[in-house]
Each structure stands twice: as structure tokens, then as C-alpha cells.
Amino acid sequence: MKETKVSTGTTAMDWLLEGGYEKDAITTIYGPAGSGKTNLCLLCIASSTKKVIYIDTEGSFSIARFKQICPDYKEALKRVVFLNPTTYDEQKKAFELLKKIVDDKVGLIVVDSIAMLYRLELGQANDVYTVNRTLGLQLGYITEIARKRNIPVLITNQVYADFENKEKVHMVGGDLLRYQSKCLIELQKISPGLRKATIQKHRSIEEGKSVIFKIVDEGIIEA
């Protein structure tokens, strides 16, 4: 039987996901700034033995941080293809490019994050429908790639507070991301230094399963 998951690069998250990220699906990790989203992406990249495509819309990739997480960072970076869109139109083109550059050597696609340029475009757009339709097409591209190529796709996403309940947050992109993602993981800051990862959607793991972790120099550790 083919392996259906890839390691997250951390024991705590491998336990939460019962082996790791699913290969043929989109996993969306969402939470507030500083909750550990990019750290989880870097850890997965560090553990990958195949080529990685990293779409960085926020300029979040830090060489200094990657060095801490991955001692063999020079070799690991040779396997990473970086795409750095700075506008929503460039993000659209980056997703279209994936269809041409993804081959059997690619073992992971990371989008960090799906929300930033989308939110900027919404703030300037007169036609919200077209902006949302474009996001839907982008998600459709990577869903097709994930399924046909049996590749895990890791997406990070931002959140915004509920208007009536400030303790509650919503994902940017709402139903578009919820529908296309087979796994949703919510990250929360629960106290200084501690984070909580909770499964909010999964094909085989119960909703509400969670783990508390701490971000350290070497990555993350279960707390």
C-alpha cells in the first residue's frame, strides 16, 4: 500500500494528525499572527526529502529561523523552489504556473499565506465576486494537483474576530477554504509562550482533538 501521509516534522503534530499531513489533500492552518503557522511550514520543509514548492506571499520565510530548525539547511534549501508574488494578479499566475512545474519530484506544496494578497485585493476591488471567483480557481488548481499527483498541500491562513463575540475568530476566505480543505487546524495563543493546535475538520480524525505546544529554537515541543 502507498503511504498516505507525510510527517509534519514534529512529534506533537504527527501525534495530532495520526501520522502527518495527508498526501492528496489541502491542509489549512489558520490562526492569529505569531501563533506558529510559518514555523509549522518550515518544520515540514525541513523533514521533506523531495522537492518543495513554497509560495510566499508575505515574505515570511526566514533563513535565520530555518537554520535553527534545520541544521542541514543548505542541502534542504536546494530542494525548495520559491515563488514570491507581491500582488493578487501575481498570486494567480503563481498558481497557474504550478500546473507546469509540478512533477514526480515534488513532494510538498506550501502557500504562506493564502490570505494576505486576497485581503488587499478585496479592499481595493469594486467587484468582490470576481476576487472570490479567482481565489476559488486558485484553490481548484492545487486541489487537482494534490489529488492527481498525491502531493500534500499546506496552506496558512489569517483570521478575523467575530463582530459580536470577540473571543471567536473566523478564517479569511470562509467557505471557499473550508470546502476545499480536507483538514483544518486552528492555532491559538493560550498563554505567553504556549500555543494550542485544534483539529476543526478532518476526514478521519475527530473534530476537537488538540495538542498544546511551545515554540523553541529547534522548532516546537509538546507542552
Protein backbone atom coordinates (compact mmCIF):
# COMPACT_ATOMS: atom_id res chain seq x y z
CA MET A 1 0.00 0.00 0.00
CA LYS A 2 1.13 3.54 -0.74
CA GLU A 3 1.89 5.83 2.16
CA THR A 4 -0.97 8.27 2.58
CA LYS A 5 0.71 10.82 4.88
CA VAL A 6 3.96 12.76 5.25
CA SER A 7 5.50 13.70 8.56
CA THR A 8 4.86 17.20 9.86
CA GLY A 9 8.46 17.31 11.06
CA THR A 10 7.41 17.42 14.69
CA THR A 11 6.30 14.72 17.12
CA ALA A 12 3.49 16.81 18.60
CA MET A 13 1.78 17.46 15.25
CA ASP A 14 2.39 13.92 13.99
CA TRP A 15 0.51 12.73 17.08
CA LEU A 16 -2.32 15.21 16.48
CA LEU A 17 -2.68 14.14 12.84
CA GLU A 18 -2.04 10.45 13.49
CA GLY A 19 0.96 10.27 11.23
CA GLY A 20 1.12 13.61 9.43
CA TYR A 21 -0.39 15.66 6.62
CA GLU A 22 -2.49 13.76 4.09
CA LYS A 23 -0.84 13.49 0.70
CA ASP A 24 -3.79 14.02 -1.61
CA ALA A 25 -5.40 16.94 0.16
CA ILE A 26 -5.18 20.55 1.24
CA THR A 27 -4.45 21.16 4.92
CA THR A 28 -5.17 24.71 6.06
CA ILE A 29 -3.55 26.01 9.24
CA TYR A 30 -5.13 29.21 10.47
CA GLY A 31 -4.67 31.46 13.46
CA PRO A 32 -3.53 34.91 14.61
CA ALA A 33 -0.11 36.41 13.91
CA GLY A 34 2.63 34.74 15.93
CA SER A 35 0.67 31.55 16.60
CA GLY A 36 3.18 29.30 14.80
CA LYS A 37 1.79 28.92 11.28
CA THR A 38 5.02 29.60 9.41
CA ASN A 39 7.02 27.56 11.93
CA LEU A 40 4.91 24.51 11.08
CA CYS A 41 5.57 25.09 7.38
CA LEU A 42 9.33 25.32 7.94
CA LEU A 43 9.35 22.14 10.01
CA CYS A 44 7.59 20.21 7.26
CA ILE A 45 10.01 21.56 4.65
CA ALA A 46 12.98 20.58 6.82
CA SER A 47 11.71 16.99 7.07
CA SER A 48 10.92 16.60 3.36
CA THR A 49 13.29 14.55 1.22
CA LYS A 50 11.66 15.63 -2.04
CA LYS A 51 11.37 18.95 -3.86
CA VAL A 52 9.19 21.61 -2.23
CA ILE A 53 7.37 24.50 -3.89
CA TYR A 54 6.95 27.41 -1.49
CA ILE A 55 4.60 30.26 -2.43
CA ASP A 56 5.49 33.09 -0.05
CA THR A 57 3.01 35.97 -0.28
CA GLU A 58 4.05 37.64 2.98
CA GLY A 59 7.84 37.45 2.84
CA SER A 60 7.58 35.21 5.92
CA PHE A 61 10.38 32.80 5.04
CA SER A 62 13.34 33.49 7.35
CA ILE A 63 16.72 31.94 6.59
CA ALA A 64 17.82 32.63 10.18
CA ARG A 65 14.81 30.73 11.56
CA PHE A 66 15.23 27.90 9.07
CA LYS A 67 18.86 27.49 10.17
CA GLN A 68 17.66 26.95 13.75
CA ILE A 69 15.11 24.35 12.70
CA CYS A 70 17.19 22.56 10.08
CA PRO A 71 20.93 22.05 10.78
CA ASP A 72 21.38 20.77 7.22
CA TYR A 73 19.64 23.88 5.86
CA LYS A 74 21.94 24.36 2.84
CA GLU A 75 21.05 20.95 1.39
CA ALA A 76 17.38 21.40 2.28
CA LEU A 77 17.18 24.77 0.50
CA LYS A 78 18.49 23.19 -2.70
CA ARG A 79 15.22 21.27 -2.83
CA VAL A 80 13.00 24.36 -2.41
CA VAL A 81 11.55 26.36 -5.32
CA PHE A 82 10.42 29.79 -4.13
CA LEU A 83 7.60 31.78 -5.74
CA ASN A 84 7.17 35.28 -4.30
CA PRO A 85 4.03 37.00 -5.62
CA THR A 86 3.54 40.58 -4.41
CA THR A 87 0.14 41.27 -6.00
CA TYR A 88 -3.06 39.28 -6.29
CA ASP A 89 -2.54 39.00 -10.04
CA GLU A 90 0.95 37.60 -9.47
CA GLN A 91 -0.51 35.13 -6.97
CA LYS A 92 -2.97 33.99 -9.62
CA LYS A 93 -0.11 33.47 -12.10
CA ALA A 94 1.91 31.56 -9.50
CA PHE A 95 -0.94 29.11 -9.02
CA GLU A 96 -1.32 28.71 -12.79
CA LEU A 97 2.43 28.04 -13.02
CA LEU A 98 2.10 25.13 -10.59
CA LYS A 99 0.39 23.06 -13.27
CA LYS A 100 3.52 23.35 -15.42
CA ILE A 101 6.27 22.89 -12.83
CA VAL A 102 4.87 20.20 -10.53
CA ASP A 103 6.28 16.79 -11.41
CA ASP A 104 7.02 13.49 -9.70
CA LYS A 105 10.00 15.04 -7.88
CA VAL A 106 7.74 17.42 -5.94
CA GLY A 107 6.74 16.13 -2.52
CA LEU A 108 5.15 19.19 -0.92
CA ILE A 109 3.46 22.49 -1.85
CA VAL A 110 3.29 25.28 0.73
CA VAL A 111 1.28 28.50 0.45
CA ASP A 112 2.14 31.01 3.19
CA SER A 113 -0.32 32.64 3.24
CA ILE A 114 -3.40 32.40 1.06
CA ALA A 115 -4.99 35.47 2.68
CA MET A 116 -2.71 38.49 2.55
CA LEU A 117 -2.91 39.48 -1.12
CA TYR A 118 -6.54 38.33 -1.27
CA ARG A 119 -7.45 40.73 1.56
CA LEU A 120 -5.58 43.58 -0.09
CA GLU A 121 -7.41 42.93 -3.35
CA LEU A 122 -10.78 42.85 -1.58
CA GLY A 123 -10.02 46.23 -0.04
CA GLN A 124 -9.45 47.75 -3.46
CA ALA A 125 -11.96 45.84 -5.56
CA ASN A 126 -15.25 47.05 -6.93
CA ASP A 127 -16.23 43.51 -7.88
CA VAL A 128 -15.96 41.21 -4.86
CA TYR A 129 -17.46 38.32 -6.84
CA THR A 130 -14.54 38.30 -9.31
CA VAL A 131 -11.97 38.36 -6.48
CA ASN A 132 -13.65 35.41 -4.77
CA ARG A 133 -14.02 33.55 -8.05
CA THR A 134 -10.27 33.94 -8.69
CA LEU A 135 -9.50 32.55 -5.23
CA GLY A 136 -11.80 29.63 -5.94
CA LEU A 137 -9.93 28.91 -9.18
CA GLN A 138 -6.58 29.02 -7.36
CA LEU A 139 -7.81 26.54 -4.78
CA GLY A 140 -9.18 24.40 -7.59
CA TYR A 141 -5.75 24.26 -9.24
CA ILE A 142 -4.00 22.98 -6.14
CA THR A 143 -6.81 20.60 -5.23
CA GLU A 144 -6.45 18.99 -8.66
CA ILE A 145 -2.66 18.79 -8.28
CA ALA A 146 -2.92 17.30 -4.79
CA ARG A 147 -5.30 14.58 -5.93
CA LYS A 148 -3.69 13.70 -9.26
CA ARG A 149 -0.09 13.85 -8.01
CA ASN A 150 -0.77 12.54 -4.50
CA ILE A 151 1.01 15.57 -3.01
CA PRO A 152 0.23 17.26 0.33
CA VAL A 153 -0.64 20.96 0.09
CA LEU A 154 -0.08 23.05 3.19
CA ILE A 155 -1.82 26.44 3.35
CA THR A 156 -1.63 29.05 6.09
CA ASN A 157 -4.46 31.47 6.61
CA GLN A 158 -5.26 34.56 8.64
CA VAL A 159 -8.24 35.14 10.92
CA TYR A 160 -10.51 37.99 11.94
CA ALA A 161 -12.58 38.49 15.07
CA ASP A 162 -16.32 37.84 15.23
CA PHE A 163 -18.22 41.15 15.35
CA GLU A 164 -20.49 40.02 18.19
CA ASN A 165 -18.15 37.63 20.02
CA LYS A 166 -14.57 38.92 20.17
CA GLU A 167 -13.37 35.58 21.60
CA LYS A 168 -14.39 33.82 18.39
CA VAL A 169 -12.44 34.05 15.13
CA HIS A 170 -13.23 33.29 11.51
CA MET A 171 -10.94 32.22 8.68
CA VAL A 172 -10.33 34.68 5.89
CA GLY A 173 -11.91 33.24 2.75
CA GLY A 174 -14.59 31.48 4.77
CA ASP A 175 -16.48 28.77 2.94
CA LEU A 176 -14.07 28.71 -0.02
CA LEU A 177 -11.24 27.48 2.22
CA ARG A 178 -13.47 25.35 4.40
CA TYR A 179 -14.87 23.47 1.41
CA GLN A 180 -11.58 22.90 -0.43
CA SER A 181 -9.56 21.94 2.67
CA LYS A 182 -9.84 18.34 3.81
CA CYS A 183 -8.09 19.26 7.06
CA LEU A 184 -8.47 22.46 9.08
CA ILE A 185 -6.18 23.16 12.03
CA GLU A 186 -6.82 26.17 14.24
CA LEU A 187 -3.90 27.65 16.18
CA GLN A 188 -4.46 29.72 19.32
CA LYS A 189 -2.24 31.62 21.71
CA ILE A 190 -3.38 30.38 25.10
CA SER A 191 -0.71 31.98 27.32
CA PRO A 192 2.72 33.58 26.91
CA GLY A 193 4.85 31.01 25.12
CA LEU A 194 2.13 28.38 24.72
CA ARG A 195 0.09 27.57 21.62
CA LYS A 196 -2.81 25.20 21.02
CA ALA A 197 -3.49 23.34 17.76
CA THR A 198 -7.03 22.01 17.34
CA ILE A 199 -8.48 19.94 14.52
CA GLN A 200 -11.62 21.65 13.23
CA LYS A 201 -12.11 19.37 10.22
CA HIS A 202 -10.60 16.08 9.09
CA ARG A 203 -11.63 13.07 7.04
CA SER A 204 -10.75 10.50 9.70
CA ILE A 205 -9.88 12.27 12.98
CA GLU A 206 -12.45 13.59 15.41
CA GLU A 207 -13.07 17.33 15.48
CA GLY A 208 -11.80 18.96 18.65
CA LYS A 209 -8.68 16.83 19.11
CA SER A 210 -5.89 19.16 20.22
CA VAL A 211 -2.32 19.47 21.41
CA ILE A 212 -0.57 22.24 23.35
CA PHE A 213 2.92 23.15 22.23
CA LYS A 214 5.73 25.63 22.78
CA ILE A 215 7.81 27.28 20.06
CA VAL A 216 11.54 26.76 20.75
CA ASP A 217 14.75 27.35 18.80
CA GLU A 218 14.73 23.83 17.35
CA GLY A 219 11.05 24.03 16.27
CA ILE A 220 8.16 23.14 18.55
CA ILE A 221 7.80 20.82 21.53
CA GLU A 222 4.70 19.44 23.21
CA ALA A 223 3.96 21.28 26.44
